[in-house]
Amino acid sequence: MRPRLLDLFCGAGGAAMGYSRAGFDIVGVDCKPQPRYPFAFVQADALRPPFRLDDFDAIHASPPCQRYMRSGLIDRETYPDLLPVTRTLLQASGRPWVIENVPGAPMAPNFTLCGSMFGLAIRRHRLFEMWPAVLILHPYTCDHSQPITGVYGHSRGRAGAYHTMLPDSTAQWRRAMAIEWMQDDELTQAIPPAYTEFIGRQLLEAVA
């Protein structure tokens, strides 16, 4: 049987797809409806999931990143700081866990991943903190010499929201992220599955 992974703050499933390809069965939890989430999904508070955490073999969490973003286009203070309480929840579970967030987040990351490490046309750096720390070193390095596609912002034309920084088509965004099922807003918030496929294959060692 494949090990089970609980995906908290799951969004539309970028992280989940990588873990599935690595060998996990996935259950996602998010407070918002996620009609395109590609696995089992429950709409609920990710900090109060309707499950026993020890019923899962591992847990991934991507708490909202807006609080820690370095962009001057948003008011960071209006967003909650959910990372510390998320870490406390995962530590109490006793299960192997991974937290993902943006550079600048209050983390002691084991490593940073970038799309260029996986041959993707996107430069999306993300920090990963995990327990147990089985991924302190990895063989990939960034290559920022190649052209990239910008996948940023919120929907074009939405009242009160800042627009995308580059006018790429949804199809270009999907190719850049190697995500074929998401819409614009979902793509701007997602991480490429390549990141968590890499993590998940080694997380299996901790589960074992």
C-alpha atoms as a PDB file:
ATOM      1  CA  MET A   1       0.000   0.000   0.000  1.00  0.00           C
ATOM      2  CA  ARG A   2       1.140   3.544  -0.738  1.00  0.00           C
ATOM      3  CA  PRO A   3       1.787   5.735   2.310  1.00  0.00           C
ATOM      4  CA  ARG A   4      -0.747   8.490   3.036  1.00  0.00           C
ATOM      5  CA  LEU A   5       0.155  12.179   3.067  1.00  0.00           C
ATOM      6  CA  LEU A   6      -2.020  14.980   4.463  1.00  0.00           C
ATOM      7  CA  ASP A   7      -1.709  18.174   2.394  1.00  0.00           C
ATOM      8  CA  LEU A   8      -2.645  21.214   4.553  1.00  0.00           C
ATOM      9  CA  PHE A   9      -3.387  24.608   2.959  1.00  0.00           C
ATOM     10  CA  CYS A  10      -3.462  22.553  -0.203  1.00  0.00           C
ATOM     11  CA  GLY A  11      -4.629  25.114  -2.772  1.00  0.00           C
ATOM     12  CA  ALA A  12      -5.174  23.631  -6.215  1.00  0.00           C
ATOM     13  CA  GLY A  13      -2.686  20.806  -5.736  1.00  0.00           C
ATOM     14  CA  GLY A  14       0.753  21.690  -7.106  1.00  0.00           C
ATOM     15  CA  ALA A  15       2.525  20.197  -4.108  1.00  0.00           C
ATOM     16  CA  ALA A  16       0.103  17.284  -3.969  1.00  0.00           C
ATOM     17  CA  MET A  17       0.824  16.207  -7.535  1.00  0.00           C
ATOM     18  CA  GLY A  18       4.548  15.992  -6.825  1.00  0.00           C
ATOM     19  CA  TYR A  19       4.002  13.867  -3.734  1.00  0.00           C
ATOM     20  CA  SER A  20       1.641  11.599  -5.664  1.00  0.00           C
ATOM     21  CA  ARG A  21       4.255  11.052  -8.366  1.00  0.00           C
ATOM     22  CA  ALA A  22       6.772  10.233  -5.649  1.00  0.00           C
ATOM     23  CA  GLY A  23       4.545   7.456  -4.301  1.00  0.00           C
ATOM     24  CA  PHE A  24       2.055   8.914  -1.781  1.00  0.00           C
ATOM     25  CA  ASP A  25      -1.734   8.832  -1.624  1.00  0.00           C
ATOM     26  CA  ILE A  26      -2.949  12.361  -0.893  1.00  0.00           C
ATOM     27  CA  VAL A  27      -5.754  14.004   1.083  1.00  0.00           C
ATOM     28  CA  GLY A  28      -5.949  17.798   0.786  1.00  0.00           C
ATOM     29  CA  VAL A  29      -7.437  20.305   3.229  1.00  0.00           C
ATOM     30  CA  ASP A  30      -8.118  23.975   2.519  1.00  0.00           C
ATOM     31  CA  CYS A  31     -10.577  26.541   3.843  1.00  0.00           C
ATOM     32  CA  LYS A  32     -11.582  27.515   0.292  1.00  0.00           C
ATOM     33  CA  PRO A  33     -13.271  25.314  -2.326  1.00  0.00           C
ATOM     34  CA  GLN A  34     -10.736  23.722  -4.654  1.00  0.00           C
ATOM     35  CA  PRO A  35     -12.740  22.321  -7.568  1.00  0.00           C
ATOM     36  CA  ARG A  36      -9.626  21.412  -9.559  1.00  0.00           C
ATOM     37  CA  TYR A  37      -7.720  19.699  -6.746  1.00  0.00           C
ATOM     38  CA  PRO A  38      -6.696  16.397  -8.350  1.00  0.00           C
ATOM     39  CA  PHE A  39      -7.008  14.154  -5.256  1.00  0.00           C
ATOM     40  CA  ALA A  40      -9.300  13.575  -2.283  1.00  0.00           C
ATOM     41  CA  PHE A  41     -10.236  16.970  -0.848  1.00  0.00           C
ATOM     42  CA  VAL A  42     -11.971  18.213   2.315  1.00  0.00           C
ATOM     43  CA  GLN A  43     -12.926  21.854   2.783  1.00  0.00           C
ATOM     44  CA  ALA A  44     -11.990  22.706   6.371  1.00  0.00           C
ATOM     45  CA  ASP A  45      -9.678  24.801   8.538  1.00  0.00           C
ATOM     46  CA  ALA A  46      -6.182  23.469   7.847  1.00  0.00           C
ATOM     47  CA  LEU A  47      -5.186  24.231  11.455  1.00  0.00           C
ATOM     48  CA  ARG A  48      -8.104  22.118  12.705  1.00  0.00           C
ATOM     49  CA  PRO A  49      -8.233  19.317  10.146  1.00  0.00           C
ATOM     50  CA  PRO A  50     -11.085  16.816  10.584  1.00  0.00           C
ATOM     51  CA  PHE A  51      -8.644  13.923  10.858  1.00  0.00           C
ATOM     52  CA  ARG A  52      -6.341  12.296  13.358  1.00  0.00           C
ATOM     53  CA  LEU A  53      -2.931  13.414  12.207  1.00  0.00           C
ATOM     54  CA  ASP A  54      -1.361  10.144  13.272  1.00  0.00           C
ATOM     55  CA  ASP A  55      -3.587   8.364  10.750  1.00  0.00           C
ATOM     56  CA  PHE A  56      -1.253   9.731   8.072  1.00  0.00           C
ATOM     57  CA  ASP A  57       2.305   8.720   7.325  1.00  0.00           C
ATOM     58  CA  ALA A  58       3.499  12.264   6.564  1.00  0.00           C
ATOM     59  CA  ILE A  59       2.190  15.831   6.460  1.00  0.00           C
ATOM     60  CA  HIS A  60       2.901  18.748   4.134  1.00  0.00           C
ATOM     61  CA  ALA A  61       1.799  22.317   4.907  1.00  0.00           C
ATOM     62  CA  SER A  62       1.957  25.500   2.821  1.00  0.00           C
ATOM     63  CA  PRO A  63       0.570  28.221   5.112  1.00  0.00           C
ATOM     64  CA  PRO A  64      -0.273  31.523   3.374  1.00  0.00           C
ATOM     65  CA  CYS A  65       2.872  33.332   2.248  1.00  0.00           C
ATOM     66  CA  GLN A  66       1.622  36.913   1.826  1.00  0.00           C
ATOM     67  CA  ARG A  67       2.768  37.895   5.312  1.00  0.00           C
ATOM     68  CA  TYR A  68       6.394  37.218   4.366  1.00  0.00           C
ATOM     69  CA  MET A  69       6.540  38.377   0.744  1.00  0.00           C
ATOM     70  CA  ARG A  70       9.071  41.056  -0.160  1.00  0.00           C
ATOM     71  CA  SER A  71       6.784  42.657  -2.742  1.00  0.00           C
ATOM     72  CA  GLY A  72       5.794  46.269  -2.188  1.00  0.00           C
ATOM     73  CA  LEU A  73       2.485  45.640  -3.952  1.00  0.00           C
ATOM     74  CA  ILE A  74       0.701  44.238  -0.895  1.00  0.00           C
ATOM     75  CA  ASP A  75       0.255  45.288   2.724  1.00  0.00           C
ATOM     76  CA  ARG A  76       1.884  42.365   4.514  1.00  0.00           C
ATOM     77  CA  GLU A  77       0.558  43.407   7.932  1.00  0.00           C
ATOM     78  CA  THR A  78      -3.025  42.693   6.853  1.00  0.00           C
ATOM     79  CA  TYR A  79      -2.235  38.989   6.443  1.00  0.00           C
ATOM     80  CA  PRO A  80      -2.026  36.510   9.351  1.00  0.00           C
ATOM     81  CA  ASP A  81       1.220  34.943  10.552  1.00  0.00           C
ATOM     82  CA  LEU A  82       0.209  31.274  10.479  1.00  0.00           C
ATOM     83  CA  LEU A  83       3.605  29.647  10.130  1.00  0.00           C
ATOM     84  CA  PRO A  84       4.500  29.290  13.855  1.00  0.00           C
ATOM     85  CA  VAL A  85       1.174  27.710  14.793  1.00  0.00           C
ATOM     86  CA  THR A  86       1.410  25.418  11.762  1.00  0.00           C
ATOM     87  CA  ARG A  87       4.847  24.240  12.869  1.00  0.00           C
ATOM     88  CA  THR A  88       3.540  23.570  16.398  1.00  0.00           C
ATOM     89  CA  LEU A  89       0.680  21.503  14.960  1.00  0.00           C
ATOM     90  CA  LEU A  90       3.031  19.393  12.854  1.00  0.00           C
ATOM     91  CA  GLN A  91       5.562  18.904  15.645  1.00  0.00           C
ATOM     92  CA  ALA A  92       2.783  17.596  17.898  1.00  0.00           C
ATOM     93  CA  SER A  93       1.715  15.055  15.265  1.00  0.00           C
ATOM     94  CA  GLY A  94       4.834  12.926  15.681  1.00  0.00           C
ATOM     95  CA  ARG A  95       4.803  12.280  11.921  1.00  0.00           C
ATOM     96  CA  PRO A  96       7.410  13.309   9.344  1.00  0.00           C
ATOM     97  CA  TRP A  97       6.463  16.740   8.062  1.00  0.00           C
ATOM     98  CA  VAL A  98       7.397  19.430   5.554  1.00  0.00           C
ATOM     99  CA  ILE A  99       6.592  23.162   5.638  1.00  0.00           C
ATOM    100  CA  GLU A 100       6.945  25.226   2.455  1.00  0.00           C
ATOM    101  CA  ASN A 101       7.063  29.003   2.175  1.00  0.00           C
ATOM    102  CA  VAL A 102       8.715  31.982   0.500  1.00  0.00           C
ATOM    103  CA  PRO A 103      12.156  33.497   1.131  1.00  0.00           C
ATOM    104  CA  GLY A 104      11.824  35.842   4.086  1.00  0.00           C
ATOM    105  CA  ALA A 105       9.514  33.548   6.045  1.00  0.00           C
ATOM    106  CA  PRO A 106      10.562  32.828   9.679  1.00  0.00           C
ATOM    107  CA  MET A 107      11.957  29.369   8.976  1.00  0.00           C
ATOM    108  CA  ALA A 108      15.133  27.395   9.488  1.00  0.00           C
ATOM    109  CA  PRO A 109      15.003  25.855   6.012  1.00  0.00           C
ATOM    110  CA  ASN A 110      16.812  22.654   5.206  1.00  0.00           C
ATOM    111  CA  PHE A 111      17.064  23.773   1.576  1.00  0.00           C
ATOM    112  CA  THR A 112      15.750  26.141  -1.108  1.00  0.00           C
ATOM    113  CA  LEU A 113      14.406  24.990  -4.460  1.00  0.00           C
ATOM    114  CA  CYS A 114      14.123  26.937  -7.723  1.00  0.00           C
ATOM    115  CA  GLY A 115      12.376  26.078 -10.976  1.00  0.00           C
ATOM    116  CA  SER A 116      15.653  26.332 -12.873  1.00  0.00           C
ATOM    117  CA  MET A 117      16.971  23.355 -10.881  1.00  0.00           C
ATOM    118  CA  PHE A 118      14.413  21.183 -12.657  1.00  0.00           C
ATOM    119  CA  GLY A 119      14.674  22.665 -16.145  1.00  0.00           C
ATOM    120  CA  LEU A 120      11.544  24.782 -15.725  1.00  0.00           C
ATOM    121  CA  ALA A 121      11.211  28.246 -17.264  1.00  0.00           C
ATOM    122  CA  ILE A 122      10.337  29.809 -13.929  1.00  0.00           C
ATOM    123  CA  ARG A 123      12.408  31.285 -11.123  1.00  0.00           C
ATOM    124  CA  ARG A 124      10.232  30.533  -8.101  1.00  0.00           C
ATOM    125  CA  HIS A 125      12.404  30.101  -5.004  1.00  0.00           C
ATOM    126  CA  ARG A 126      10.756  28.307  -2.115  1.00  0.00           C
ATOM    127  CA  LEU A 127      12.059  27.348   1.319  1.00  0.00           C
ATOM    128  CA  PHE A 128      11.451  23.883   2.774  1.00  0.00           C
ATOM    129  CA  GLU A 129      11.751  23.014   6.453  1.00  0.00           C
ATOM    130  CA  MET A 130      11.248  19.411   7.419  1.00  0.00           C
ATOM    131  CA  TRP A 131      11.496  16.854  10.162  1.00  0.00           C
ATOM    132  CA  PRO A 132      13.352  14.588  10.255  1.00  0.00           C
ATOM    133  CA  ALA A 133      15.994  16.552   8.341  1.00  0.00           C
ATOM    134  CA  VAL A 134      16.868  14.062   5.609  1.00  0.00           C
ATOM    135  CA  LEU A 135      17.379  16.618   2.815  1.00  0.00           C
ATOM    136  CA  ILE A 136      20.130  18.902   4.113  1.00  0.00           C
ATOM    137  CA  LEU A 137      22.125  18.523   0.887  1.00  0.00           C
ATOM    138  CA  HIS A 138      20.890  18.075  -2.663  1.00  0.00           C
ATOM    139  CA  PRO A 139      22.653  17.957  -6.022  1.00  0.00           C
ATOM    140  CA  TYR A 140      20.811  20.807  -7.763  1.00  0.00           C
ATOM    141  CA  THR A 141      21.940  24.391  -8.306  1.00  0.00           C
ATOM    142  CA  CYS A 142      20.118  27.405  -9.735  1.00  0.00           C
ATOM    143  CA  ASP A 143      20.715  28.411 -13.352  1.00  0.00           C
ATOM    144  CA  HIS A 144      19.411  31.950 -13.785  1.00  0.00           C
ATOM    145  CA  SER A 145      20.978  32.397 -17.220  1.00  0.00           C
ATOM    146  CA  GLN A 146      17.968  30.955 -19.060  1.00  0.00           C
ATOM    147  CA  PRO A 147      14.827  32.895 -20.120  1.00  0.00           C
ATOM    148  CA  ILE A 148      11.935  32.647 -17.686  1.00  0.00           C
ATOM    149  CA  THR A 149       8.182  33.135 -17.740  1.00  0.00           C
ATOM    150  CA  GLY A 150       6.716  35.464 -15.107  1.00  0.00           C
ATOM    151  CA  VAL A 151       3.810  33.882 -13.199  1.00  0.00           C
ATOM    152  CA  TYR A 152       2.867  36.538 -10.663  1.00  0.00           C
ATOM    153  CA  GLY A 153      -0.020  38.524  -9.218  1.00  0.00           C
ATOM    154  CA  HIS A 154      -3.758  37.965  -9.387  1.00  0.00           C
ATOM    155  CA  SER A 155      -6.379  37.733 -12.100  1.00  0.00           C
ATOM    156  CA  ARG A 156      -6.256  40.368 -14.780  1.00  0.00           C
ATOM    157  CA  GLY A 157      -8.992  42.945 -14.395  1.00  0.00           C
ATOM    158  CA  ARG A 158     -10.155  41.953 -10.908  1.00  0.00           C
ATOM    159  CA  ALA A 159     -11.283  45.049  -9.029  1.00  0.00           C
ATOM    160  CA  GLY A 160      -8.961  45.983  -6.198  1.00  0.00           C
ATOM    161  CA  ALA A 161      -6.238  43.442  -7.097  1.00  0.00           C
ATOM    162  CA  TYR A 162      -2.899  44.076  -8.735  1.00  0.00           C
ATOM    163  CA  HIS A 163      -2.550  42.648 -12.213  1.00  0.00           C
ATOM    164  CA  THR A 164      -0.043  40.130 -13.472  1.00  0.00           C
ATOM    165  CA  MET A 165       3.443  41.521 -14.033  1.00  0.00           C
ATOM    166  CA  LEU A 166       3.902  39.915 -17.436  1.00  0.00           C
ATOM    167  CA  PRO A 167       1.076  39.342 -19.955  1.00  0.00           C
ATOM    168  CA  ASP A 168       1.780  35.689 -20.643  1.00  0.00           C
ATOM    169  CA  SER A 169      -1.039  33.394 -21.634  1.00  0.00           C
ATOM    170  CA  THR A 170      -2.434  30.761 -19.315  1.00  0.00           C
ATOM    171  CA  ALA A 171      -1.002  28.079 -21.602  1.00  0.00           C
ATOM    172  CA  GLN A 172       2.499  29.585 -21.248  1.00  0.00           C
ATOM    173  CA  TRP A 173       2.128  29.710 -17.481  1.00  0.00           C
ATOM    174  CA  ARG A 174       1.083  26.072 -17.385  1.00  0.00           C
ATOM    175  CA  ARG A 175       4.094  25.033 -19.448  1.00  0.00           C
ATOM    176  CA  ALA A 176       6.450  27.064 -17.280  1.00  0.00           C
ATOM    177  CA  MET A 177       5.153  25.439 -14.091  1.00  0.00           C
ATOM    178  CA  ALA A 178       4.564  21.987 -15.659  1.00  0.00           C
ATOM    179  CA  ILE A 179       1.000  22.182 -14.300  1.00  0.00           C
ATOM    180  CA  GLU A 180      -1.734  21.528 -16.823  1.00  0.00           C
ATOM    181  CA  TRP A 181      -4.956  21.714 -14.774  1.00  0.00           C
ATOM    182  CA  MET A 182      -4.891  25.112 -13.008  1.00  0.00           C
ATOM    183  CA  GLN A 183      -6.275  28.530 -13.891  1.00  0.00           C
ATOM    184  CA  ASP A 184      -4.387  31.839 -13.582  1.00  0.00           C
ATOM    185  CA  ASP A 185      -5.011  32.600  -9.905  1.00  0.00           C
ATOM    186  CA  GLU A 186      -4.174  29.039  -8.923  1.00  0.00           C
ATOM    187  CA  LEU A 187      -0.938  29.044 -10.913  1.00  0.00           C
ATOM    188  CA  THR A 188       0.303  32.247  -9.260  1.00  0.00           C
ATOM    189  CA  GLN A 189      -0.068  30.643  -5.825  1.00  0.00           C
ATOM    190  CA  ALA A 190       1.227  27.152  -6.647  1.00  0.00           C
ATOM    191  CA  ILE A 191       4.613  25.480  -6.494  1.00  0.00           C
ATOM    192  CA  PRO A 192       5.712  23.239  -9.371  1.00  0.00           C
ATOM    193  CA  PRO A 193       5.126  19.525  -8.698  1.00  0.00           C
ATOM    194  CA  ALA A 194       8.800  18.909  -9.525  1.00  0.00           C
ATOM    195  CA  TYR A 195       9.728  20.366  -6.133  1.00  0.00           C
ATOM    196  CA  THR A 196       7.675  17.974  -4.054  1.00  0.00           C
ATOM    197  CA  GLU A 197       8.344  14.983  -6.285  1.00  0.00           C
ATOM    198  CA  PHE A 198      12.021  15.488  -5.424  1.00  0.00           C
ATOM    199  CA  ILE A 199      11.197  15.941  -1.730  1.00  0.00           C
ATOM    200  CA  GLY A 200       8.662  13.122  -1.643  1.00  0.00           C
ATOM    201  CA  ARG A 201      11.034  10.478  -2.953  1.00  0.00           C
ATOM    202  CA  GLN A 202      13.355  11.171  -0.064  1.00  0.00           C
ATOM    203  CA  LEU A 203      10.537  11.695   2.432  1.00  0.00           C
ATOM    204  CA  LEU A 204       9.605   8.072   1.757  1.00  0.00           C
ATOM    205  CA  GLU A 205      12.842   7.136   3.512  1.00  0.00           C
ATOM    206  CA  ALA A 206      11.712   8.945   6.663  1.00  0.00           C
ATOM    207  CA  VAL A 207       8.299   7.282   6.481  1.00  0.00           C
ATOM    208  CA  ALA A 208       9.927   3.870   6.130  1.00  0.00           C
END
